[in-house]
Structure formats: structure tokens, C-alpha cells
Amino acid sequence: MPQAKVYVTLKKGVLDPQGKAVLNSLLSLGFEPVQDVRVGKFIELKFSPMSKGEAAIMVEDMCRKLLANMVIEDFRFEVTE
């Protein structure tokens, strides 16, 4: 049965206030080498029996319709058996 891992991240140039908050916290904890933080989403999907190709088409559609905001986010995914 196919499984998919979906990674959703903000597009370059889009402000990331959550990332800035994490960065400030890391710096205050003494992790000075960290220069920037971007926060995204990680989604795991498990499918009923189907081909990897069918699952990939479905994941692409899911991302474009629901999982990613196409105006401010990019996505990538990988489908495995």
C-alpha cells in the first residue's frame, strides 16, 4: 500500500513570524550559530491498495486543493510502497 510524505513550506519572500519566534528562542537558549528558521508542515498519508502513480496523482491534487495554500506556500512530496 502506498504512503506519501508531504512537505509544505512558505514561499521565499513570505514573512514567517513563527520561524522568527523559534529563531529568537533558540538564540536566547545559546544556539548562536543558527541564522534563520523557517517553519513548515509535514503530513503523512497512507492509502488503500493502489499504484504509486495513482497515489502521486491524488497527492498532487490534495496539495493543490487543501494541504497547501498555493498563494503563499510551496509543496513537495514523495510516494513510497
Protein backbone atom coordinates (compact mmCIF):
# COMPACT_ATOMS: atom_id res chain seq x y z
CA MET A 1 0.00 0.00 0.00
CA PRO A 2 1.42 3.39 -0.93
CA GLN A 3 2.35 6.01 1.60
CA ALA A 4 3.13 9.66 0.97
CA LYS A 5 5.21 12.23 2.81
CA VAL A 6 4.20 15.80 2.05
CA TYR A 7 6.35 18.82 2.93
CA VAL A 8 4.67 22.25 2.85
CA THR A 9 6.84 25.35 3.23
CA LEU A 10 6.35 29.07 2.88
CA LYS A 11 7.47 30.53 -0.43
CA LYS A 12 10.67 32.55 -0.41
CA GLY A 13 9.90 36.15 0.41
CA VAL A 14 6.86 35.34 2.56
CA LEU A 15 7.36 36.50 6.15
CA ASP A 16 7.48 33.68 8.72
CA PRO A 17 6.60 35.08 12.18
CA GLN A 18 6.58 31.60 13.71
CA GLY A 19 10.06 30.96 12.33
CA LYS A 20 11.28 34.29 13.77
CA ALA A 21 9.85 33.38 17.20
CA VAL A 22 11.62 30.00 17.11
CA LEU A 23 14.86 31.70 16.00
CA ASN A 24 14.70 34.19 18.88
CA SER A 25 14.06 31.37 21.36
CA LEU A 26 16.97 29.31 20.02
CA LEU A 27 19.29 32.31 20.22
CA SER A 28 18.20 33.02 23.81
CA LEU A 29 18.99 29.38 24.67
CA GLY A 30 22.54 29.85 23.44
CA PHE A 31 22.31 28.42 19.91
CA GLU A 32 24.07 31.43 18.35
CA PRO A 33 25.18 29.66 15.14
CA VAL A 34 21.54 29.46 13.96
CA GLN A 35 20.95 32.28 11.48
CA ASP A 36 17.42 31.67 10.22
CA VAL A 37 14.42 29.41 10.86
CA ARG A 38 11.50 28.66 8.55
CA VAL A 39 8.59 26.62 9.91
CA GLY A 40 6.51 24.39 7.67
CA LYS A 41 4.19 21.40 7.77
CA PHE A 42 4.90 17.69 7.41
CA ILE A 43 1.97 15.40 6.51
CA GLU A 44 1.97 11.60 6.25
CA LEU A 45 -0.70 9.86 4.19
CA LYS A 46 -1.44 6.13 3.94
CA PHE A 47 -3.55 4.79 1.08
CA SER A 48 -5.63 1.72 0.44
CA PRO A 49 -4.17 -0.57 -2.24
CA MET A 50 -3.41 1.36 -5.44
CA SER A 51 -0.40 2.04 -7.62
CA LYS A 52 2.26 4.58 -6.69
CA GLY A 53 1.32 6.53 -9.80
CA GLU A 54 -2.33 6.77 -8.80
CA ALA A 55 -1.33 7.83 -5.29
CA ALA A 56 1.02 10.50 -6.66
CA ILE A 57 -1.73 11.98 -8.82
CA MET A 58 -4.06 12.02 -5.82
CA VAL A 59 -1.47 13.65 -3.52
CA GLU A 60 -0.75 16.37 -6.08
CA ASP A 61 -4.49 17.12 -6.25
CA MET A 62 -4.81 17.10 -2.44
CA CYS A 63 -1.95 19.56 -2.08
CA ARG A 64 -3.35 21.95 -4.66
CA LYS A 65 -6.90 21.81 -3.24
CA LEU A 66 -6.35 21.62 0.53
CA LEU A 67 -2.97 20.82 2.04
CA ALA A 68 -1.06 23.86 0.73
CA ASN A 69 -2.12 27.46 0.25
CA MET A 70 -0.83 27.94 -3.28
CA VAL A 71 -0.63 31.72 -2.85
CA ILE A 72 1.98 31.64 -0.06
CA GLU A 73 3.19 28.02 0.18
CA ASP A 74 5.16 25.53 -1.89
CA PHE A 75 4.94 21.78 -1.52
CA ARG A 76 6.86 18.67 -2.44
CA PHE A 77 6.07 15.05 -1.75
CA GLU A 78 7.38 11.53 -2.11
CA VAL A 79 5.32 8.37 -2.54
CA THR A 80 6.67 5.00 -1.41
CA GLU A 81 5.27 1.47 -1.28
